[in-house]
N, C-alpha and C. Protein backbone atom coordinates (compact mmCIF):
# COMPACT_ATOMS: atom_id res chain seq x y z
N MET A 1 -18.95 -7.81 13.35
CA MET A 1 -17.90 -7.75 12.38
C MET A 1 -17.92 -6.97 11.54
N SER A 2 -18.33 -5.98 11.93
CA SER A 2 -18.70 -4.45 11.35
C SER A 2 -19.46 -4.41 9.91
N GLY A 3 -20.28 -5.95 10.07
CA GLY A 3 -20.85 -5.91 8.76
C GLY A 3 -20.17 -6.66 7.72
N ASN A 4 -18.81 -6.92 7.49
CA ASN A 4 -18.25 -7.22 6.68
C ASN A 4 -18.13 -8.58 6.72
N ALA A 5 -17.73 -9.35 5.49
CA ALA A 5 -17.83 -10.67 5.59
C ALA A 5 -16.46 -10.96 5.16
N LEU A 6 -15.75 -12.13 5.62
CA LEU A 6 -14.28 -12.59 5.60
C LEU A 6 -14.40 -12.62 3.73
N LYS A 7 -13.08 -11.86 3.40
CA LYS A 7 -12.60 -12.15 1.75
C LYS A 7 -11.70 -12.86 1.26
N LYS A 8 -11.85 -13.36 0.56
CA LYS A 8 -10.72 -14.56 0.15
C LYS A 8 -9.59 -13.28 -0.91
N ILE A 9 -8.69 -13.25 -0.52
CA ILE A 9 -7.90 -12.50 -1.30
C ILE A 9 -6.48 -13.51 -2.06
N ARG A 10 -6.68 -13.36 -3.50
CA ARG A 10 -5.31 -13.93 -4.25
C ARG A 10 -4.38 -13.24 -4.52
N LEU A 11 -3.12 -13.34 -4.16
CA LEU A 11 -1.86 -12.78 -4.58
C LEU A 11 -1.02 -13.68 -5.33
N GLU A 12 -0.57 -13.10 -6.88
CA GLU A 12 0.54 -13.94 -7.40
C GLU A 12 1.60 -12.65 -7.76
N LEU A 13 2.62 -13.77 -7.81
CA LEU A 13 4.08 -13.05 -7.60
C LEU A 13 4.19 -12.29 -9.16
N GLY A 14 4.58 -10.93 -8.56
CA GLY A 14 4.72 -10.01 -9.54
C GLY A 14 6.15 -10.05 -10.15
N ARG A 15 6.21 -8.97 -11.06
CA ARG A 15 7.72 -9.25 -11.62
C ARG A 15 8.72 -8.81 -10.83
N THR A 16 9.78 -9.92 -11.04
CA THR A 16 11.04 -9.86 -10.25
C THR A 16 11.99 -9.71 -11.16
N LYS A 17 13.19 -10.09 -10.93
CA LYS A 17 14.52 -9.87 -11.83
C LYS A 17 14.32 -11.58 -12.14
N GLU A 18 14.22 -12.44 -11.11
CA GLU A 18 14.18 -13.87 -11.63
C GLU A 18 13.10 -14.18 -12.22
N GLN A 19 11.76 -13.50 -12.33
CA GLN A 19 10.55 -13.76 -12.77
C GLN A 19 10.13 -12.54 -13.37
N PRO A 20 10.80 -12.21 -14.77
CA PRO A 20 10.63 -10.80 -15.47
C PRO A 20 8.72 -10.70 -15.88
N GLU A 21 8.09 -11.95 -15.95
CA GLU A 21 6.91 -11.98 -16.55
C GLU A 21 5.77 -12.43 -14.97
N GLY A 22 6.58 -12.22 -13.86
CA GLY A 22 5.74 -12.48 -12.76
C GLY A 22 5.13 -14.17 -12.91
N ASN A 23 4.68 -14.88 -11.92
CA ASN A 23 4.42 -16.13 -11.86
C ASN A 23 3.16 -16.43 -11.02
N PRO A 24 1.97 -17.04 -11.98
CA PRO A 24 0.84 -17.12 -11.39
C PRO A 24 0.96 -18.48 -10.52
N ARG A 25 1.57 -19.33 -10.32
CA ARG A 25 1.96 -20.59 -10.01
C ARG A 25 2.60 -20.28 -8.70
N CYS A 26 2.79 -19.32 -8.15
CA CYS A 26 3.63 -18.51 -6.94
C CYS A 26 2.81 -17.75 -6.26
N GLY A 27 2.35 -17.65 -5.12
CA GLY A 27 1.68 -16.31 -4.35
C GLY A 27 0.67 -17.12 -3.21
N TYR A 28 0.03 -16.42 -2.70
CA TYR A 28 -0.70 -16.74 -1.63
C TYR A 28 -2.33 -16.52 -1.89
N GLU A 29 -2.80 -17.12 -1.06
CA GLU A 29 -4.80 -16.83 -0.83
C GLU A 29 -4.81 -16.99 0.75
N PHE A 30 -5.09 -15.70 0.97
CA PHE A 30 -5.91 -15.34 2.30
C PHE A 30 -7.49 -15.02 2.51
N TRP A 31 -7.48 -14.96 3.80
CA TRP A 31 -8.97 -14.79 4.19
C TRP A 31 -8.75 -13.69 5.16
N ALA A 32 -9.46 -12.05 5.08
CA ALA A 32 -9.32 -11.37 6.06
C ALA A 32 -10.49 -10.50 5.78
N PRO A 33 -11.23 -9.89 7.17
CA PRO A 33 -12.55 -9.09 6.89
C PRO A 33 -11.72 -7.75 6.17
N LEU A 34 -12.50 -6.66 5.15
CA LEU A 34 -11.97 -5.82 4.66
C LEU A 34 -12.93 -4.73 5.08
N THR A 35 -12.58 -3.14 4.95
CA THR A 35 -13.78 -2.22 5.19
C THR A 35 -14.31 -2.12 4.00
N ALA A 36 -15.30 -1.26 4.20
CA ALA A 36 -16.15 -1.04 2.73
C ALA A 36 -15.05 -0.29 1.55
N ASP A 37 -14.04 0.71 2.00
CA ASP A 37 -13.28 1.00 1.05
C ASP A 37 -12.38 0.09 0.80
N GLY A 38 -12.11 -1.10 1.28
CA GLY A 38 -10.84 -2.17 0.92
C GLY A 38 -9.56 -2.35 1.63
N HIS A 39 -9.81 -1.82 3.05
CA HIS A 39 -8.59 -1.83 3.91
C HIS A 39 -9.00 -3.10 4.57
N LEU A 40 -7.90 -3.20 5.31
CA LEU A 40 -8.29 -4.60 6.69
C LEU A 40 -8.63 -3.93 7.21
N ASP A 41 -9.85 -4.57 8.08
CA ASP A 41 -10.31 -4.28 9.24
C ASP A 41 -10.32 -4.71 10.55
N GLU A 42 -9.51 -4.28 11.28
CA GLU A 42 -8.90 -4.55 12.24
C GLU A 42 -9.63 -4.77 13.56
N ALA A 43 -10.65 -3.93 13.65
CA ALA A 43 -12.01 -4.09 14.06
C ALA A 43 -12.32 -5.21 14.64
N ALA A 44 -12.92 -5.94 13.25
CA ALA A 44 -13.76 -6.88 12.76
C ALA A 44 -12.79 -8.16 12.39
N TYR A 45 -10.99 -7.85 12.62
CA TYR A 45 -10.19 -9.27 12.77
C TYR A 45 -9.82 -9.59 14.20
N LYS A 46 -10.41 -8.47 15.00
CA LYS A 46 -10.11 -9.05 16.57
C LYS A 46 -11.25 -10.49 16.84
N ALA A 47 -12.84 -9.95 16.30
CA ALA A 47 -13.52 -11.07 16.28
C ALA A 47 -13.40 -12.34 15.38
N VAL A 48 -12.71 -12.35 14.32
CA VAL A 48 -12.63 -13.74 13.22
C VAL A 48 -11.31 -13.96 13.37
N LYS A 49 -10.32 -13.51 13.97
CA LYS A 49 -9.18 -13.70 13.64
C LYS A 49 -8.45 -15.37 13.63
N ALA A 50 -9.28 -16.36 14.41
CA ALA A 50 -9.25 -17.63 14.43
C ALA A 50 -9.44 -18.10 12.40
N GLU A 51 -10.32 -17.67 12.14
CA GLU A 51 -10.52 -17.67 10.51
C GLU A 51 -9.38 -17.07 8.92
N CYS A 52 -8.86 -16.37 10.05
CA CYS A 52 -7.98 -15.66 8.85
C CYS A 52 -6.76 -15.90 8.64
N ARG A 53 -7.21 -17.00 7.65
CA ARG A 53 -6.20 -18.30 7.30
C ARG A 53 -5.38 -17.54 6.05
N VAL A 54 -3.92 -18.41 5.58
CA VAL A 54 -3.51 -18.07 4.36
C VAL A 54 -3.00 -19.55 4.03
N HIS A 55 -3.21 -19.28 2.64
CA HIS A 55 -2.23 -20.73 2.01
C HIS A 55 -1.38 -20.16 1.26
N ARG A 56 0.05 -20.57 1.16
CA ARG A 56 1.18 -20.10 0.23
C ARG A 56 1.04 -21.22 -0.69
N PHE A 57 1.52 -21.08 -1.83
CA PHE A 57 1.51 -21.74 -3.00
C PHE A 57 3.01 -21.28 -3.68
N TRP A 58 3.44 -22.58 -4.35
CA TRP A 58 5.09 -21.82 -4.79
C TRP A 58 5.27 -23.02 -5.48
N GLU A 59 5.50 -22.77 -6.75
CA GLU A 59 5.78 -23.76 -7.92
C GLU A 59 7.17 -24.47 -7.57
N GLY A 60 7.17 -26.08 -7.23
CA GLY A 60 8.14 -26.77 -7.09
C GLY A 60 8.41 -27.03 -5.41
N ALA A 61 7.37 -26.17 -4.80
CA ALA A 61 7.52 -26.40 -3.28
C ALA A 61 6.16 -27.03 -2.35
N MET A 62 5.93 -27.26 -1.45
CA MET A 62 5.34 -28.06 -0.68
C MET A 62 4.17 -26.82 -0.42
N PRO A 63 3.04 -26.70 -0.74
CA PRO A 63 2.22 -25.49 -0.22
C PRO A 63 2.38 -25.59 1.58
N GLU A 64 1.92 -24.15 2.10
CA GLU A 64 1.80 -24.04 3.64
C GLU A 64 0.92 -23.21 4.30
N HIS A 65 0.39 -23.83 5.02
CA HIS A 65 -1.02 -23.21 5.55
C HIS A 65 -0.63 -22.70 6.45
N GLY A 66 -1.13 -21.45 7.06
CA GLY A 66 -0.92 -20.27 8.21
C GLY A 66 -1.80 -19.56 8.67
N HIS A 67 -1.68 -18.63 9.35
CA HIS A 67 -2.64 -17.80 9.54
C HIS A 67 -2.01 -16.39 9.31
N LEU A 68 -2.98 -15.15 9.16
CA LEU A 68 -2.71 -13.48 9.17
C LEU A 68 -2.96 -13.32 10.61
N GLN A 69 -1.85 -12.98 10.96
CA GLN A 69 -1.87 -12.12 12.31
C GLN A 69 -1.44 -10.83 12.20
N HIS A 70 -2.34 -10.22 13.45
CA HIS A 70 -2.42 -8.60 13.47
C HIS A 70 -0.96 -8.77 14.89
N LEU A 71 0.04 -8.18 14.83
CA LEU A 71 1.23 -7.95 15.70
C LEU A 71 0.95 -6.62 16.29
N GLY A 72 0.43 -5.65 15.66
CA GLY A 72 0.84 -4.26 16.55
C GLY A 72 -0.21 -3.27 15.71
N PRO A 73 -0.03 -1.88 16.05
CA PRO A 73 -0.73 -1.14 15.14
C PRO A 73 0.01 -1.16 13.81
N ASP A 74 0.64 -1.41 13.13
CA ASP A 74 1.13 -1.30 11.78
C ASP A 74 1.81 -2.47 11.21
N ARG A 75 1.40 -3.83 12.15
CA ARG A 75 2.15 -5.34 11.77
C ARG A 75 1.38 -6.31 11.31
N TRP A 76 1.70 -6.43 10.23
CA TRP A 76 0.45 -7.66 9.93
C TRP A 76 1.67 -8.61 9.41
N VAL A 77 1.21 -9.99 9.46
CA VAL A 77 2.30 -11.20 9.11
C VAL A 77 1.50 -12.10 9.00
N PHE A 78 1.98 -13.34 7.94
CA PHE A 78 1.45 -14.23 7.59
C PHE A 78 2.87 -15.44 8.33
N SER A 79 1.83 -16.46 9.39
CA SER A 79 2.95 -17.02 10.29
C SER A 79 2.38 -18.51 9.64
N TYR A 80 3.34 -19.07 9.74
CA TYR A 80 2.58 -20.79 9.61
C TYR A 80 3.24 -21.90 11.11
N ALA A 81 3.69 -21.20 11.81
CA ALA A 81 4.15 -22.06 13.03
C ALA A 81 4.00 -21.11 14.46
N PRO A 82 4.13 -21.44 15.65
CA PRO A 82 4.22 -20.80 16.68
C PRO A 82 6.07 -20.18 16.35
N GLY A 83 6.01 -18.95 17.12
CA GLY A 83 7.07 -18.04 17.63
C GLY A 83 7.20 -17.15 15.88
N LYS A 84 8.36 -16.83 16.07
CA LYS A 84 8.48 -15.79 14.97
C LYS A 84 9.34 -16.26 13.63
N ASP A 85 10.40 -17.25 13.87
CA ASP A 85 10.86 -17.15 12.80
C ASP A 85 10.59 -17.47 11.50
N ASP A 86 8.99 -18.03 11.37
CA ASP A 86 8.34 -18.19 10.01
C ASP A 86 7.58 -17.04 9.63
N ASP A 87 7.60 -16.30 10.56
CA ASP A 87 6.79 -15.19 9.74
C ASP A 87 7.39 -14.18 8.70
N GLU A 88 6.54 -14.15 7.58
CA GLU A 88 6.20 -13.19 6.85
C GLU A 88 5.91 -11.77 6.79
N PRO A 89 6.33 -10.95 6.59
CA PRO A 89 5.54 -9.62 7.26
C PRO A 89 5.35 -9.11 6.19
N ALA A 90 4.12 -8.29 6.12
CA ALA A 90 3.78 -7.82 4.66
C ALA A 90 4.15 -6.02 4.98
N PHE A 91 4.80 -5.29 4.02
CA PHE A 91 5.18 -4.16 4.06
C PHE A 91 3.63 -3.25 4.00
N LYS A 92 3.12 -2.44 5.01
CA LYS A 92 2.37 -1.47 5.14
C LYS A 92 0.92 -2.00 5.18
N LEU A 93 0.94 -3.34 5.36
CA LEU A 93 -0.32 -3.91 4.65
C LEU A 93 -1.60 -3.33 5.37
N ASP A 94 -1.70 -2.25 6.64
CA ASP A 94 -2.63 -1.98 7.05
C ASP A 94 -2.63 -0.75 6.36
N LYS A 95 -1.98 -0.12 5.48
CA LYS A 95 -2.47 1.17 4.44
C LYS A 95 -3.09 0.66 3.37
N HIS A 96 -2.42 -0.64 2.60
CA HIS A 96 -3.18 -0.87 1.71
C HIS A 96 -4.32 -0.93 1.39
N ARG A 97 -4.76 -0.62 0.29
CA ARG A 97 -6.24 -0.79 -0.46
C ARG A 97 -6.44 -1.80 -1.23
N PHE A 98 -7.05 -2.81 -0.97
CA PHE A 98 -7.01 -4.20 -1.37
C PHE A 98 -7.98 -3.95 -2.42
N GLU A 99 -7.56 -3.78 -3.81
CA GLU A 99 -8.18 -3.94 -5.28
C GLU A 99 -7.73 -4.54 -6.13
N VAL A 100 -8.25 -5.50 -7.21
CA VAL A 100 -7.34 -6.14 -8.02
C VAL A 100 -6.74 -5.14 -8.85
N GLY A 101 -5.56 -5.90 -9.16
CA GLY A 101 -4.75 -4.97 -10.15
C GLY A 101 -3.86 -4.11 -9.24
N GLU A 102 -4.03 -4.21 -7.87
CA GLU A 102 -2.50 -3.42 -7.09
C GLU A 102 -1.43 -4.45 -6.04
N TYR A 103 -0.88 -4.03 -5.88
CA TYR A 103 0.18 -4.48 -5.59
C TYR A 103 0.74 -4.93 -4.00
N VAL A 104 1.32 -5.81 -3.38
CA VAL A 104 1.64 -5.82 -2.22
C VAL A 104 2.96 -6.18 -2.24
N SER A 105 4.01 -6.16 -0.86
CA SER A 105 5.05 -6.41 -0.94
C SER A 105 4.62 -7.22 0.44
N LEU A 106 5.76 -8.26 0.00
CA LEU A 106 5.86 -9.56 1.45
C LEU A 106 7.20 -9.91 1.30
N THR A 107 7.69 -9.86 2.82
CA THR A 107 8.92 -10.53 2.95
C THR A 107 8.71 -11.75 3.16
N GLU A 108 9.42 -12.79 2.27
CA GLU A 108 9.34 -14.01 2.64
C GLU A 108 10.58 -14.68 3.60
N HIS A 109 10.06 -16.12 3.47
CA HIS A 109 11.04 -16.93 4.32
C HIS A 109 12.70 -16.80 4.55
N ASP A 110 12.73 -16.20 3.10
CA ASP A 110 14.14 -16.15 2.64
C ASP A 110 14.95 -14.94 2.80
N GLY A 111 13.91 -14.29 3.16
CA GLY A 111 14.46 -12.87 3.58
C GLY A 111 14.28 -11.80 2.65
N VAL A 112 13.70 -12.12 1.80
CA VAL A 112 13.87 -11.39 0.20
C VAL A 112 12.23 -10.88 -0.05
N THR A 113 12.07 -9.22 -0.02
CA THR A 113 10.67 -8.59 -0.26
C THR A 113 10.44 -8.87 -1.90
N ARG A 114 8.87 -9.34 -2.13
CA ARG A 114 8.79 -9.56 -3.36
C ARG A 114 7.39 -8.74 -3.57
N PRO A 115 7.00 -8.76 -4.59
CA PRO A 115 5.88 -7.94 -5.24
C PRO A 115 4.92 -8.95 -5.55
N PHE A 116 3.58 -8.66 -5.06
CA PHE A 116 2.36 -9.57 -5.10
C PHE A 116 1.07 -8.54 -5.76
N ARG A 117 0.79 -9.32 -7.06
CA ARG A 117 -0.46 -8.38 -7.40
C ARG A 117 -1.52 -9.22 -6.80
N ILE A 118 -2.58 -8.34 -6.84
CA ILE A 118 -3.71 -8.90 -6.15
C ILE A 118 -4.60 -9.20 -7.30
N VAL A 119 -4.85 -10.51 -7.42
CA VAL A 119 -5.76 -10.90 -9.03
C VAL A 119 -6.98 -10.97 -8.56
N ALA A 120 -7.24 -11.47 -7.35
CA ALA A 120 -9.23 -11.69 -7.15
C ALA A 120 -9.35 -11.22 -5.74
N ILE A 121 -10.66 -11.07 -5.39
CA ILE A 121 -11.08 -10.49 -4.03
C ILE A 121 -12.41 -11.13 -4.09
N THR A 122 -12.81 -12.20 -3.39
CA THR A 122 -14.40 -12.88 -3.95
C THR A 122 -15.04 -13.15 -2.08
């Protein structure tokens, strides 16, 4: 796995029109291999993809559990069931450097793209 252990990455909802202060009770925790400079490690992912899980937590909703999936050169999604209907694509996730305080954008089940702040990497 290129010497990289799986990292647990916690994302919390950033500021939106509906949540101007963001919301730490809405977000994701997922496990993925990262390169030394904090990017998703595509080569390492191939060896550990079954372990690359995602946990979606949302205030007022049941938690969801699924997997991080790499579907192509620049396409990463959170998937909770077979098929594409429930996939939540991440905008340019392959280009992001995962560092606490940075943001990533995810398109959720409802088709809305929302910002999420990286709050922890362990």
